[in-house]
Amino acid sequence: MTSSTPTPSGYVHEDAFDSGFLPVGDIHKVWYAQYGAPNGRPVMFLHGGPGGGTKVANTCFFDPKVYRVVLMDQRGAGKSAPVAEIRDNTTHHLIEDIEQLRKHLGIEKWAMVFGGSWGSSLALAYAQTHPQMTGALVLRGIFTVRKSELVNNYAPYGVISQVFPEEYDELMNHLRSQSTMDSQSLNDPATMLSEYYRLLCHEDPRIHKAAALVWNKYETTASTLARDPGLVRKIVRAENWSIQQARIECHYFVHQAWLEDGILLKPTSLERIKDIPCEIVQGRYDMVCPARTAWELHKGLKNSTLHMIPDAGHSANEHGIKAKLIEICDSMARM
């Protein structure tokens, strides 16, 4: 049953009123689904990862009587086909996939582009490319794929390795057991990512599945303020998701998302979206995407509001983050 009164878990939507596959390019078909009001305010929901995919729970932030919520599984992710495909899979392809889907669905302009983590990167990249098609931005756990952010995640002196040393050592010990390179070389984040990329793309399923499991366990453990063993158990059960998430994410990180370092935060880039209202929700103790990037985005974007959640990490399911995102979307619904 559709609910227009949010529970602590957010709004409840009925089944999608439309779904299907959209061919994009020569290889890929992206899966999409529409929820809520067919004539409502159109929202483009961009999932994280890259490679994370969407699920109906992603609609929880949006009042189904007001919003037309479009979920799209990015290339190789979720239900999109081929599964975990990295050919013709770049940020620039995804930006144009969003545009192609908008036109396919007959949407004149997105009322809102909503994204968290990698989804915030893609939302910024899309809005800076197509500002005239973006009514508002709602961003969570800001990430811009800068070298400094990747170092934070994968260097031995990065924030995650310092706070979660057990998981970092597990990640690196697995790599050392599968690599012929010496430990000193593997401590370099670029080398480490390249070697994991080799494992995650290996044709032997035993090799890429094992690498994906330890890769995702590391990131997932760091995503919540309090450890959630249930999330790790889900990774073990969700084998297809695990491969998609790890392989595609590493594919993007090895190539730094095909973006000039820091381009999404440069004044010339932010100038393109200066008139677009932007709400930024950031967990103070986000280890995966530390608050510095959200702060820099807010300082560079005068038409933005930063909501720093004092007792939250990275996940959109952190109580304070979810509540604030629902509050923001409800406020925009009344505008």
C-alpha atoms as a PDB file:
ATOM      1  CA  MET A   1       0.000   0.000   0.000  1.00  0.00           C
ATOM      2  CA  THR A   2       1.241   3.486  -0.832  1.00  0.00           C
ATOM      3  CA  SER A   3       1.774   5.679   2.210  1.00  0.00           C
ATOM      4  CA  SER A   4       1.992   9.489   2.273  1.00  0.00           C
ATOM      5  CA  THR A   5       2.958   9.494   5.923  1.00  0.00           C
ATOM      6  CA  PRO A   6       6.588   8.530   6.438  1.00  0.00           C
ATOM      7  CA  THR A   7       7.418   5.917   9.039  1.00  0.00           C
ATOM      8  CA  PRO A   8      10.819   5.950  10.774  1.00  0.00           C
ATOM      9  CA  SER A   9      11.936   3.898   7.754  1.00  0.00           C
ATOM     10  CA  GLY A  10      10.485   6.411   5.303  1.00  0.00           C
ATOM     11  CA  TYR A  11       7.670   6.308   2.769  1.00  0.00           C
ATOM     12  CA  VAL A  12       6.207   3.044   1.508  1.00  0.00           C
ATOM     13  CA  HIS A  13       5.560   2.759  -2.233  1.00  0.00           C
ATOM     14  CA  GLU A  14       3.420   0.355  -4.218  1.00  0.00           C
ATOM     15  CA  ASP A  15       4.985  -1.663  -7.011  1.00  0.00           C
ATOM     16  CA  ALA A  16       6.554   0.246  -9.878  1.00  0.00           C
ATOM     17  CA  PHE A  17       3.978   1.614 -12.323  1.00  0.00           C
ATOM     18  CA  ASP A  18       6.508   1.199 -15.134  1.00  0.00           C
ATOM     19  CA  SER A  19       9.802  -0.614 -15.635  1.00  0.00           C
ATOM     20  CA  GLY A  20      11.929  -1.881 -18.459  1.00  0.00           C
ATOM     21  CA  PHE A  21      15.266  -1.928 -20.234  1.00  0.00           C
ATOM     22  CA  LEU A  22      16.676   0.942 -22.274  1.00  0.00           C
ATOM     23  CA  PRO A  23      19.368   0.012 -24.838  1.00  0.00           C
ATOM     24  CA  VAL A  24      22.333   2.381 -24.548  1.00  0.00           C
ATOM     25  CA  GLY A  25      25.237   1.994 -26.943  1.00  0.00           C
ATOM     26  CA  ASP A  26      26.204  -1.284 -28.598  1.00  0.00           C
ATOM     27  CA  ILE A  27      26.642  -3.406 -25.459  1.00  0.00           C
ATOM     28  CA  HIS A  28      24.498  -2.218 -22.580  1.00  0.00           C
ATOM     29  CA  LYS A  29      20.848  -2.195 -21.597  1.00  0.00           C
ATOM     30  CA  VAL A  30      20.089  -0.190 -18.456  1.00  0.00           C
ATOM     31  CA  TRP A  31      17.172  -1.233 -16.294  1.00  0.00           C
ATOM     32  CA  TYR A  32      14.859   1.410 -14.876  1.00  0.00           C
ATOM     33  CA  ALA A  33      11.666   1.571 -12.818  1.00  0.00           C
ATOM     34  CA  GLN A  34       9.219   4.342 -11.941  1.00  0.00           C
ATOM     35  CA  TYR A  35       7.424   4.676  -8.629  1.00  0.00           C
ATOM     36  CA  GLY A  36       4.956   7.072  -7.040  1.00  0.00           C
ATOM     37  CA  ALA A  37       2.818   9.531  -8.978  1.00  0.00           C
ATOM     38  CA  PRO A  38       2.978   9.142 -12.786  1.00  0.00           C
ATOM     39  CA  ASN A  39       2.358  12.883 -13.164  1.00  0.00           C
ATOM     40  CA  GLY A  40       4.374  13.881 -10.108  1.00  0.00           C
ATOM     41  CA  ARG A  41       7.605  15.810  -9.781  1.00  0.00           C
ATOM     42  CA  PRO A  42      10.263  13.712 -11.506  1.00  0.00           C
ATOM     43  CA  VAL A  43      13.239  12.619  -9.402  1.00  0.00           C
ATOM     44  CA  MET A  44      16.343  10.937 -10.786  1.00  0.00           C
ATOM     45  CA  PHE A  45      17.744   8.669  -8.050  1.00  0.00           C
ATOM     46  CA  LEU A  46      21.423   7.835  -8.593  1.00  0.00           C
ATOM     47  CA  HIS A  47      22.817   4.865  -6.691  1.00  0.00           C
ATOM     48  CA  GLY A  48      26.260   4.574  -5.195  1.00  0.00           C
ATOM     49  CA  GLY A  49      29.178   2.271  -5.710  1.00  0.00           C
ATOM     50  CA  PRO A  50      29.786   2.618  -8.612  1.00  0.00           C
ATOM     51  CA  GLY A  51      28.126  -0.729  -9.214  1.00  0.00           C
ATOM     52  CA  GLY A  52      25.729  -0.741  -6.269  1.00  0.00           C
ATOM     53  CA  GLY A  53      22.412  -0.924  -8.143  1.00  0.00           C
ATOM     54  CA  THR A  54      18.975   0.161  -6.939  1.00  0.00           C
ATOM     55  CA  LYS A  55      16.176  -1.398  -4.911  1.00  0.00           C
ATOM     56  CA  VAL A  56      12.638  -0.357  -4.050  1.00  0.00           C
ATOM     57  CA  ALA A  57      13.842   0.772  -0.601  1.00  0.00           C
ATOM     58  CA  ASN A  58      15.565   3.679  -2.357  1.00  0.00           C
ATOM     59  CA  THR A  59      12.131   5.283  -2.815  1.00  0.00           C
ATOM     60  CA  CYS A  60      11.682   5.751   0.940  1.00  0.00           C
ATOM     61  CA  PHE A  61      12.707   9.432   0.896  1.00  0.00           C
ATOM     62  CA  PHE A  62       9.957  10.549  -1.474  1.00  0.00           C
ATOM     63  CA  ASP A  63       6.249  11.144  -0.868  1.00  0.00           C
ATOM     64  CA  PRO A  64       4.545   8.892  -3.466  1.00  0.00           C
ATOM     65  CA  LYS A  65       1.660  11.324  -3.861  1.00  0.00           C
ATOM     66  CA  VAL A  66       4.036  14.106  -4.882  1.00  0.00           C
ATOM     67  CA  TYR A  67       7.042  12.543  -6.595  1.00  0.00           C
ATOM     68  CA  ARG A  68       7.612  10.441  -9.694  1.00  0.00           C
ATOM     69  CA  VAL A  69      10.699   8.519  -8.635  1.00  0.00           C
ATOM     70  CA  VAL A  70      12.927   7.082 -11.356  1.00  0.00           C
ATOM     71  CA  LEU A  71      15.423   4.407 -10.363  1.00  0.00           C
ATOM     72  CA  MET A  72      18.100   3.452 -12.881  1.00  0.00           C
ATOM     73  CA  ASP A  73      20.646   0.665 -12.520  1.00  0.00           C
ATOM     74  CA  GLN A  74      23.838   2.086 -14.018  1.00  0.00           C
ATOM     75  CA  ARG A  75      25.764   0.131 -16.653  1.00  0.00           C
ATOM     76  CA  GLY A  76      26.681  -3.357 -15.449  1.00  0.00           C
ATOM     77  CA  ALA A  77      24.908  -2.881 -12.090  1.00  0.00           C
ATOM     78  CA  GLY A  78      21.738  -4.304 -10.598  1.00  0.00           C
ATOM     79  CA  LYS A  79      19.384  -5.685 -13.238  1.00  0.00           C
ATOM     80  CA  SER A  80      21.187  -3.950 -16.098  1.00  0.00           C
ATOM     81  CA  ALA A  81      22.820  -6.159 -18.700  1.00  0.00           C
ATOM     82  CA  PRO A  82      25.408  -7.490 -19.232  1.00  0.00           C
ATOM     83  CA  VAL A  83      26.083  -8.078 -15.548  1.00  0.00           C
ATOM     84  CA  ALA A  84      29.294  -6.493 -14.195  1.00  0.00           C
ATOM     85  CA  GLU A  85      30.277  -5.365 -17.704  1.00  0.00           C
ATOM     86  CA  ILE A  86      33.068  -2.753 -17.690  1.00  0.00           C
ATOM     87  CA  ARG A  87      33.434  -2.173 -21.431  1.00  0.00           C
ATOM     88  CA  ASP A  88      31.976   1.186 -22.539  1.00  0.00           C
ATOM     89  CA  ASN A  89      31.376   1.968 -18.886  1.00  0.00           C
ATOM     90  CA  THR A  90      32.607   5.431 -17.894  1.00  0.00           C
ATOM     91  CA  THR A  91      31.224   8.493 -16.121  1.00  0.00           C
ATOM     92  CA  HIS A  92      30.591  10.151 -19.466  1.00  0.00           C
ATOM     93  CA  HIS A  93      28.546   7.177 -20.665  1.00  0.00           C
ATOM     94  CA  LEU A  94      26.432   7.325 -17.495  1.00  0.00           C
ATOM     95  CA  ILE A  95      25.771  11.055 -17.857  1.00  0.00           C
ATOM     96  CA  GLU A  96      24.363  10.493 -21.317  1.00  0.00           C
ATOM     97  CA  ASP A  97      22.399   7.435 -20.156  1.00  0.00           C
ATOM     98  CA  ILE A  98      20.560   9.696 -17.697  1.00  0.00           C
ATOM     99  CA  GLU A  99      19.764  12.106 -20.523  1.00  0.00           C
ATOM    100  CA  GLN A 100      18.651   9.315 -22.823  1.00  0.00           C
ATOM    101  CA  LEU A 101      16.379   7.909 -20.107  1.00  0.00           C
ATOM    102  CA  ARG A 102      14.900  11.354 -19.408  1.00  0.00           C
ATOM    103  CA  LYS A 103      13.971  11.734 -23.065  1.00  0.00           C
ATOM    104  CA  HIS A 104      12.713   8.142 -23.284  1.00  0.00           C
ATOM    105  CA  LEU A 105      10.337   8.772 -20.375  1.00  0.00           C
ATOM    106  CA  GLY A 106       9.127  12.092 -21.772  1.00  0.00           C
ATOM    107  CA  ILE A 107      10.397  14.093 -18.815  1.00  0.00           C
ATOM    108  CA  GLU A 108      11.015  17.741 -19.686  1.00  0.00           C
ATOM    109  CA  LYS A 109      13.306  18.412 -16.717  1.00  0.00           C
ATOM    110  CA  TRP A 110      14.252  16.669 -13.489  1.00  0.00           C
ATOM    111  CA  ALA A 111      12.677  18.414 -10.512  1.00  0.00           C
ATOM    112  CA  MET A 112      15.426  16.814  -8.425  1.00  0.00           C
ATOM    113  CA  VAL A 113      18.585  14.799  -8.950  1.00  0.00           C
ATOM    114  CA  PHE A 114      19.283  12.800  -5.792  1.00  0.00           C
ATOM    115  CA  GLY A 115      22.504  10.897  -5.126  1.00  0.00           C
ATOM    116  CA  GLY A 116      24.690   9.653  -2.315  1.00  0.00           C
ATOM    117  CA  SER A 117      28.362   8.649  -2.204  1.00  0.00           C
ATOM    118  CA  TRP A 118      29.289   7.818  -5.833  1.00  0.00           C
ATOM    119  CA  GLY A 119      25.740   8.941  -6.640  1.00  0.00           C
ATOM    120  CA  SER A 120      26.718  12.433  -5.463  1.00  0.00           C
ATOM    121  CA  SER A 121      29.703  12.387  -7.861  1.00  0.00           C
ATOM    122  CA  LEU A 122      27.487  11.394 -10.768  1.00  0.00           C
ATOM    123  CA  ALA A 123      24.796  13.902  -9.785  1.00  0.00           C
ATOM    124  CA  LEU A 124      27.346  16.729  -9.781  1.00  0.00           C
ATOM    125  CA  ALA A 125      28.845  15.578 -13.075  1.00  0.00           C
ATOM    126  CA  TYR A 126      25.384  15.336 -14.669  1.00  0.00           C
ATOM    127  CA  ALA A 127      24.210  18.711 -13.340  1.00  0.00           C
ATOM    128  CA  GLN A 128      27.410  20.430 -14.491  1.00  0.00           C
ATOM    129  CA  THR A 129      26.926  18.920 -17.961  1.00  0.00           C
ATOM    130  CA  HIS A 130      23.164  19.515 -18.146  1.00  0.00           C
ATOM    131  CA  PRO A 131      22.351  22.323 -15.690  1.00  0.00           C
ATOM    132  CA  GLN A 132      19.243  23.286 -17.621  1.00  0.00           C
ATOM    133  CA  MET A 133      17.765  19.828 -16.935  1.00  0.00           C
ATOM    134  CA  THR A 134      18.403  19.887 -13.171  1.00  0.00           C
ATOM    135  CA  GLY A 135      15.857  21.611 -10.920  1.00  0.00           C
ATOM    136  CA  ALA A 136      17.519  20.829  -7.581  1.00  0.00           C
ATOM    137  CA  LEU A 137      20.280  18.670  -6.115  1.00  0.00           C
ATOM    138  CA  VAL A 138      20.008  16.567  -2.956  1.00  0.00           C
ATOM    139  CA  LEU A 139      23.391  15.022  -2.165  1.00  0.00           C
ATOM    140  CA  ARG A 140      24.555  12.754   0.649  1.00  0.00           C
ATOM    141  CA  GLY A 141      28.037  11.594   1.711  1.00  0.00           C
ATOM    142  CA  ILE A 142      29.892  13.733  -0.802  1.00  0.00           C
ATOM    143  CA  PHE A 143      32.482  12.043  -2.992  1.00  0.00           C
ATOM    144  CA  THR A 144      34.256  13.484  -6.029  1.00  0.00           C
ATOM    145  CA  VAL A 145      36.788  10.720  -6.872  1.00  0.00           C
ATOM    146  CA  ARG A 146      39.794  12.934  -6.178  1.00  0.00           C
ATOM    147  CA  LYS A 147      43.164  11.273  -5.620  1.00  0.00           C
ATOM    148  CA  SER A 148      43.124  12.505  -2.029  1.00  0.00           C
ATOM    149  CA  GLU A 149      39.783  10.743  -1.431  1.00  0.00           C
ATOM    150  CA  LEU A 150      41.035   7.469  -2.904  1.00  0.00           C
ATOM    151  CA  VAL A 151      44.171   7.718  -0.751  1.00  0.00           C
ATOM    152  CA  ASN A 152      41.898   8.098   2.279  1.00  0.00           C
ATOM    153  CA  ASN A 153      40.210   4.820   1.404  1.00  0.00           C
ATOM    154  CA  TYR A 154      43.127   2.658   0.314  1.00  0.00           C
ATOM    155  CA  ALA A 155      46.418   3.934   1.742  1.00  0.00           C
ATOM    156  CA  PRO A 156      47.914   2.431   4.938  1.00  0.00           C
ATOM    157  CA  TYR A 157      47.859   5.937   6.416  1.00  0.00           C
ATOM    158  CA  GLY A 158      44.288   6.683   5.262  1.00  0.00           C
ATOM    159  CA  VAL A 159      41.380   7.285   7.630  1.00  0.00           C
ATOM    160  CA  ILE A 160      39.718   3.894   7.091  1.00  0.00           C
ATOM    161  CA  SER A 161      42.877   1.891   7.694  1.00  0.00           C
ATOM    162  CA  GLN A 162      43.535   3.837  10.898  1.00  0.00           C
ATOM    163  CA  VAL A 163      40.034   3.321  12.304  1.00  0.00           C
ATOM    164  CA  PHE A 164      39.420  -0.186  10.927  1.00  0.00           C
ATOM    165  CA  PRO A 165      42.876  -1.795  11.019  1.00  0.00           C
ATOM    166  CA  GLU A 166      41.501  -5.360  11.167  1.00  0.00           C
ATOM    167  CA  GLU A 167      39.560  -4.979   7.922  1.00  0.00           C
ATOM    168  CA  TYR A 168      42.390  -3.103   6.224  1.00  0.00           C
ATOM    169  CA  ASP A 169      44.864  -5.842   7.100  1.00  0.00           C
ATOM    170  CA  GLU A 170      42.409  -8.461   5.810  1.00  0.00           C
ATOM    171  CA  LEU A 171      42.081  -6.528   2.542  1.00  0.00           C
ATOM    172  CA  MET A 172      45.832  -6.235   2.102  1.00  0.00           C
ATOM    173  CA  ASN A 173      46.683  -9.764   3.266  1.00  0.00           C
ATOM    174  CA  HIS A 174      44.346 -11.191   0.642  1.00  0.00           C
ATOM    175  CA  LEU A 175      46.055  -9.069  -2.013  1.00  0.00           C
ATOM    176  CA  ARG A 176      49.539 -10.097  -0.885  1.00  0.00           C
ATOM    177  CA  SER A 177      48.528 -13.746  -1.104  1.00  0.00           C
ATOM    178  CA  GLN A 178      47.449 -13.261  -4.733  1.00  0.00           C
ATOM    179  CA  SER A 179      50.146 -10.871  -5.974  1.00  0.00           C
ATOM    180  CA  THR A 180      53.777 -11.312  -6.944  1.00  0.00           C
ATOM    181  CA  MET A 181      54.541  -7.709  -5.988  1.00  0.00           C
ATOM    182  CA  ASP A 182      56.340  -6.841  -2.752  1.00  0.00           C
ATOM    183  CA  SER A 183      54.472  -5.355   0.224  1.00  0.00           C
ATOM    184  CA  GLN A 184      56.143  -1.964  -0.134  1.00  0.00           C
ATOM    185  CA  SER A 185      54.811  -1.583  -3.677  1.00  0.00           C
ATOM    186  CA  LEU A 186      51.333  -2.690  -2.654  1.00  0.00           C
ATOM    187  CA  ASN A 187      51.219   0.039  -0.004  1.00  0.00           C
ATOM    188  CA  ASP A 188      50.967   2.551  -2.838  1.00  0.00           C
ATOM    189  CA  PRO A 189      47.213   3.164  -3.365  1.00  0.00           C
ATOM    190  CA  ALA A 190      47.501   3.290  -7.171  1.00  0.00           C
ATOM    191  CA  THR A 191      49.393  -0.006  -7.269  1.00  0.00           C
ATOM    192  CA  MET A 192      47.024  -1.579  -4.776  1.00  0.00           C
ATOM    193  CA  LEU A 193      44.004  -0.591  -6.885  1.00  0.00           C
ATOM    194  CA  SER A 194      45.622  -1.887 -10.077  1.00  0.00           C
ATOM    195  CA  GLU A 195      46.358  -5.248  -8.484  1.00  0.00           C
ATOM    196  CA  TYR A 196      42.815  -5.592  -7.109  1.00  0.00           C
ATOM    197  CA  TYR A 197      41.498  -4.627 -10.531  1.00  0.00           C
ATOM    198  CA  ARG A 198      43.458  -7.518 -12.011  1.00  0.00           C
ATOM    199  CA  LEU A 199      41.926  -9.940  -9.485  1.00  0.00           C
ATOM    200  CA  LEU A 200      38.384  -8.606  -9.842  1.00  0.00           C
ATOM    201  CA  CYS A 201      38.544  -8.939 -13.639  1.00  0.00           C
ATOM    202  CA  HIS A 202      40.177 -12.385 -13.560  1.00  0.00           C
ATOM    203  CA  GLU A 203      38.415 -15.003 -15.680  1.00  0.00           C
ATOM    204  CA  ASP A 204      38.583 -17.580 -12.862  1.00  0.00           C
ATOM    205  CA  PRO A 205      35.422 -17.137 -10.731  1.00  0.00           C
ATOM    206  CA  ARG A 206      37.203 -18.419  -7.640  1.00  0.00           C
ATOM    207  CA  ILE A 207      39.677 -15.560  -7.882  1.00  0.00           C
ATOM    208  CA  HIS A 208      37.306 -12.694  -8.648  1.00  0.00           C
ATOM    209  CA  LYS A 209      34.637 -13.847  -6.173  1.00  0.00           C
ATOM    210  CA  ALA A 210      37.123 -14.082  -3.311  1.00  0.00           C
ATOM    211  CA  ALA A 211      38.556 -10.653  -4.129  1.00  0.00           C
ATOM    212  CA  ALA A 212      35.069  -9.116  -4.352  1.00  0.00           C
ATOM    213  CA  LEU A 213      34.063 -10.494  -0.980  1.00  0.00           C
ATOM    214  CA  VAL A 214      37.008  -9.024   0.905  1.00  0.00           C
ATOM    215  CA  TRP A 215      36.811  -5.735  -1.059  1.00  0.00           C
ATOM    216  CA  ASN A 216      33.135  -5.217  -0.184  1.00  0.00           C
ATOM    217  CA  LYS A 217      33.534  -6.326   3.411  1.00  0.00           C
ATOM    218  CA  TYR A 218      36.164  -3.643   3.931  1.00  0.00           C
ATOM    219  CA  GLU A 219      34.041  -0.791   2.582  1.00  0.00           C
ATOM    220  CA  THR A 220      30.767  -1.968   4.106  1.00  0.00           C
ATOM    221  CA  THR A 221      32.268  -2.290   7.580  1.00  0.00           C
ATOM    222  CA  ALA A 222      33.442   1.324   7.397  1.00  0.00           C
ATOM    223  CA  SER A 223      30.072   2.621   6.168  1.00  0.00           C
ATOM    224  CA  THR A 224      28.191   2.785   9.462  1.00  0.00           C
ATOM    225  CA  LEU A 225      28.990   4.548  12.701  1.00  0.00           C
ATOM    226  CA  ALA A 226      28.377   1.328  14.634  1.00  0.00           C
ATOM    227  CA  ARG A 227      29.451  -1.997  13.187  1.00  0.00           C
ATOM    228  CA  ASP A 228      26.620  -3.888  11.498  1.00  0.00           C
ATOM    229  CA  PRO A 229      27.525  -7.584  11.076  1.00  0.00           C
ATOM    230  CA  GLY A 230      24.236  -8.108   9.242  1.00  0.00           C
ATOM    231  CA  LEU A 231      25.497  -6.046   6.294  1.00  0.00           C
ATOM    232  CA  VAL A 232      28.520  -8.292   5.905  1.00  0.00           C
ATOM    233  CA  ARG A 233      26.305 -11.397   5.944  1.00  0.00           C
ATOM    234  CA  LYS A 234      24.243  -9.874   3.138  1.00  0.00           C
ATOM    235  CA  ILE A 235      27.395  -9.496   1.032  1.00  0.00           C
ATOM    236  CA  VAL A 236      28.155 -13.182   1.410  1.00  0.00           C
ATOM    237  CA  ARG A 237      24.651 -14.123   0.242  1.00  0.00           C
ATOM    238  CA  ALA A 238      24.422 -11.571  -2.607  1.00  0.00           C
ATOM    239  CA  GLU A 239      27.055 -13.041  -4.914  1.00  0.00           C
ATOM    240  CA  ASN A 240      26.022 -11.232  -8.118  1.00  0.00           C
ATOM    241  CA  TRP A 241      25.817  -7.894  -6.321  1.00  0.00           C
ATOM    242  CA  SER A 242      29.213  -8.479  -4.750  1.00  0.00           C
ATOM    243  CA  ILE A 243      30.915  -8.945  -8.138  1.00  0.00           C
ATOM    244  CA  GLN A 244      29.107  -5.979  -9.727  1.00  0.00           C
ATOM    245  CA  GLN A 245      29.878  -3.639  -6.859  1.00  0.00           C
ATOM    246  CA  ALA A 246      33.556  -4.535  -6.462  1.00  0.00           C
ATOM    247  CA  ARG A 247      34.538  -4.885 -10.137  1.00  0.00           C
ATOM    248  CA  ILE A 248      32.777  -1.753 -11.372  1.00  0.00           C
ATOM    249  CA  GLU A 249      33.864   0.308  -8.375  1.00  0.00           C
ATOM    250  CA  CYS A 250      37.499  -0.672  -8.844  1.00  0.00           C
ATOM    251  CA  HIS A 251      37.160  -0.048 -12.597  1.00  0.00           C
ATOM    252  CA  TYR A 252      36.108   3.534 -11.877  1.00  0.00           C
ATOM    253  CA  PHE A 253      38.683   4.122  -9.150  1.00  0.00           C
ATOM    254  CA  VAL A 254      41.619   2.812 -11.203  1.00  0.00           C
ATOM    255  CA  HIS A 255      40.681   5.319 -13.903  1.00  0.00           C
ATOM    256  CA  GLN A 256      39.726   8.055 -11.402  1.00  0.00           C
ATOM    257  CA  ALA A 257      36.284   8.037 -13.032  1.00  0.00           C
ATOM    258  CA  TRP A 258      37.810   9.539 -16.214  1.00  0.00           C
ATOM    259  CA  LEU A 259      37.668  12.944 -14.503  1.00  0.00           C
ATOM    260  CA  GLU A 260      40.375  15.559 -14.156  1.00  0.00           C
ATOM    261  CA  ASP A 261      41.488  15.545 -10.528  1.00  0.00           C
ATOM    262  CA  GLY A 262      39.214  17.873  -8.549  1.00  0.00           C
ATOM    263  CA  ILE A 263      37.202  18.985 -11.591  1.00  0.00           C
ATOM    264  CA  LEU A 264      33.807  18.639  -9.868  1.00  0.00           C
ATOM    265  CA  LEU A 265      34.821  21.174  -7.201  1.00  0.00           C
ATOM    266  CA  LYS A 266      36.605  23.681  -9.439  1.00  0.00           C
ATOM    267  CA  PRO A 267      35.077  27.202  -9.446  1.00  0.00           C
ATOM    268  CA  THR A 268      34.449  27.019 -13.194  1.00  0.00           C
ATOM    269  CA  SER A 269      32.480  23.773 -12.718  1.00  0.00           C
ATOM    270  CA  LEU A 270      30.499  25.032  -9.731  1.00  0.00           C
ATOM    271  CA  GLU A 271      29.690  28.231 -11.623  1.00  0.00           C
ATOM    272  CA  ARG A 272      27.618  26.109 -14.016  1.00  0.00           C
ATOM    273  CA  ILE A 273      25.298  24.993 -11.196  1.00  0.00           C
ATOM    274  CA  LYS A 274      25.346  28.134  -9.030  1.00  0.00           C
ATOM    275  CA  ASP A 275      21.624  28.764  -9.578  1.00  0.00           C
ATOM    276  CA  ILE A 276      20.544  25.203  -8.732  1.00  0.00           C
ATOM    277  CA  PRO A 277      19.401  24.776  -5.099  1.00  0.00           C
ATOM    278  CA  CYS A 278      21.615  22.168  -3.445  1.00  0.00           C
ATOM    279  CA  GLU A 279      21.005  20.389  -0.138  1.00  0.00           C
ATOM    280  CA  ILE A 280      24.036  18.536   1.250  1.00  0.00           C
ATOM    281  CA  VAL A 281      23.655  15.894   3.975  1.00  0.00           C
ATOM    282  CA  GLN A 282      26.880  14.661   5.538  1.00  0.00           C
ATOM    283  CA  GLY A 283      27.641  12.337   8.447  1.00  0.00           C
ATOM    284  CA  ARG A 284      30.229  13.924  10.728  1.00  0.00           C
ATOM    285  CA  TYR A 285      31.943  10.558  11.224  1.00  0.00           C
ATOM    286  CA  ASP A 286      31.769   9.369   7.626  1.00  0.00           C
ATOM    287  CA  MET A 287      34.959   7.344   7.137  1.00  0.00           C
ATOM    288  CA  VAL A 288      34.308   6.395   3.496  1.00  0.00           C
ATOM    289  CA  CYS A 289      33.646   9.960   2.323  1.00  0.00           C
ATOM    290  CA  PRO A 290      35.015  12.254   5.057  1.00  0.00           C
ATOM    291  CA  ALA A 291      33.340  15.593   5.712  1.00  0.00           C
ATOM    292  CA  ARG A 292      36.106  17.711   4.157  1.00  0.00           C
ATOM    293  CA  THR A 293      34.722  17.201   0.634  1.00  0.00           C
ATOM    294  CA  ALA A 294      31.170  18.152   1.659  1.00  0.00           C
ATOM    295  CA  TRP A 295      32.563  21.270   3.347  1.00  0.00           C
ATOM    296  CA  GLU A 296      34.538  22.261   0.251  1.00  0.00           C
ATOM    297  CA  LEU A 297      31.486  21.756  -1.966  1.00  0.00           C
ATOM    298  CA  HIS A 298      29.358  23.871   0.355  1.00  0.00           C
ATOM    299  CA  LYS A 299      31.957  26.670   0.486  1.00  0.00           C
ATOM    300  CA  GLY A 300      32.216  26.699  -3.303  1.00  0.00           C
ATOM    301  CA  LEU A 301      28.487  26.583  -3.957  1.00  0.00           C
ATOM    302  CA  LYS A 302      26.750  29.639  -2.506  1.00  0.00           C
ATOM    303  CA  ASN A 303      23.269  28.304  -3.243  1.00  0.00           C
ATOM    304  CA  SER A 304      23.799  25.272  -1.005  1.00  0.00           C
ATOM    305  CA  THR A 305      22.857  24.253   2.524  1.00  0.00           C
ATOM    306  CA  LEU A 306      25.054  21.862   4.481  1.00  0.00           C
ATOM    307  CA  HIS A 307      23.400  19.590   7.038  1.00  0.00           C
ATOM    308  CA  MET A 308      26.140  18.032   9.156  1.00  0.00           C
ATOM    309  CA  ILE A 309      24.681  15.066  11.057  1.00  0.00           C
ATOM    310  CA  PRO A 310      26.597  14.879  14.360  1.00  0.00           C
ATOM    311  CA  ASP A 311      26.106  11.194  15.146  1.00  0.00           C
ATOM    312  CA  ALA A 312      26.276   9.457  11.760  1.00  0.00           C
ATOM    313  CA  GLY A 313      28.699   7.715   9.435  1.00  0.00           C
ATOM    314  CA  HIS A 314      28.353   7.140   5.710  1.00  0.00           C
ATOM    315  CA  SER A 315      25.254   5.011   5.137  1.00  0.00           C
ATOM    316  CA  ALA A 316      21.978   6.554   3.996  1.00  0.00           C
ATOM    317  CA  ASN A 317      20.336   4.242   6.550  1.00  0.00           C
ATOM    318  CA  GLU A 318      21.970   6.010   9.488  1.00  0.00           C
ATOM    319  CA  HIS A 319      19.009   7.351  11.473  1.00  0.00           C
ATOM    320  CA  GLY A 320      19.965  11.022  11.389  1.00  0.00           C
ATOM    321  CA  ILE A 321      20.887  10.975   7.707  1.00  0.00           C
ATOM    322  CA  LYS A 322      17.702   9.222   6.607  1.00  0.00           C
ATOM    323  CA  ALA A 323      15.512  11.530   8.712  1.00  0.00           C
ATOM    324  CA  LYS A 324      17.178  14.642   7.290  1.00  0.00           C
ATOM    325  CA  LEU A 325      16.877  13.429   3.682  1.00  0.00           C
ATOM    326  CA  ILE A 326      13.156  12.724   4.155  1.00  0.00           C
ATOM    327  CA  GLU A 327      12.707  16.135   5.776  1.00  0.00           C
ATOM    328  CA  ILE A 328      14.447  17.855   2.843  1.00  0.00           C
ATOM    329  CA  CYS A 329      12.389  16.025   0.220  1.00  0.00           C
ATOM    330  CA  ASP A 330       9.177  16.823   2.126  1.00  0.00           C
ATOM    331  CA  SER A 331      10.180  20.470   2.303  1.00  0.00           C
ATOM    332  CA  MET A 332      10.840  20.556  -1.447  1.00  0.00           C
ATOM    333  CA  ALA A 333       7.475  18.864  -2.048  1.00  0.00           C
ATOM    334  CA  ARG A 334       5.744  21.826  -0.375  1.00  0.00           C
ATOM    335  CA  MET A 335       7.598  24.406  -2.457  1.00  0.00           C
END
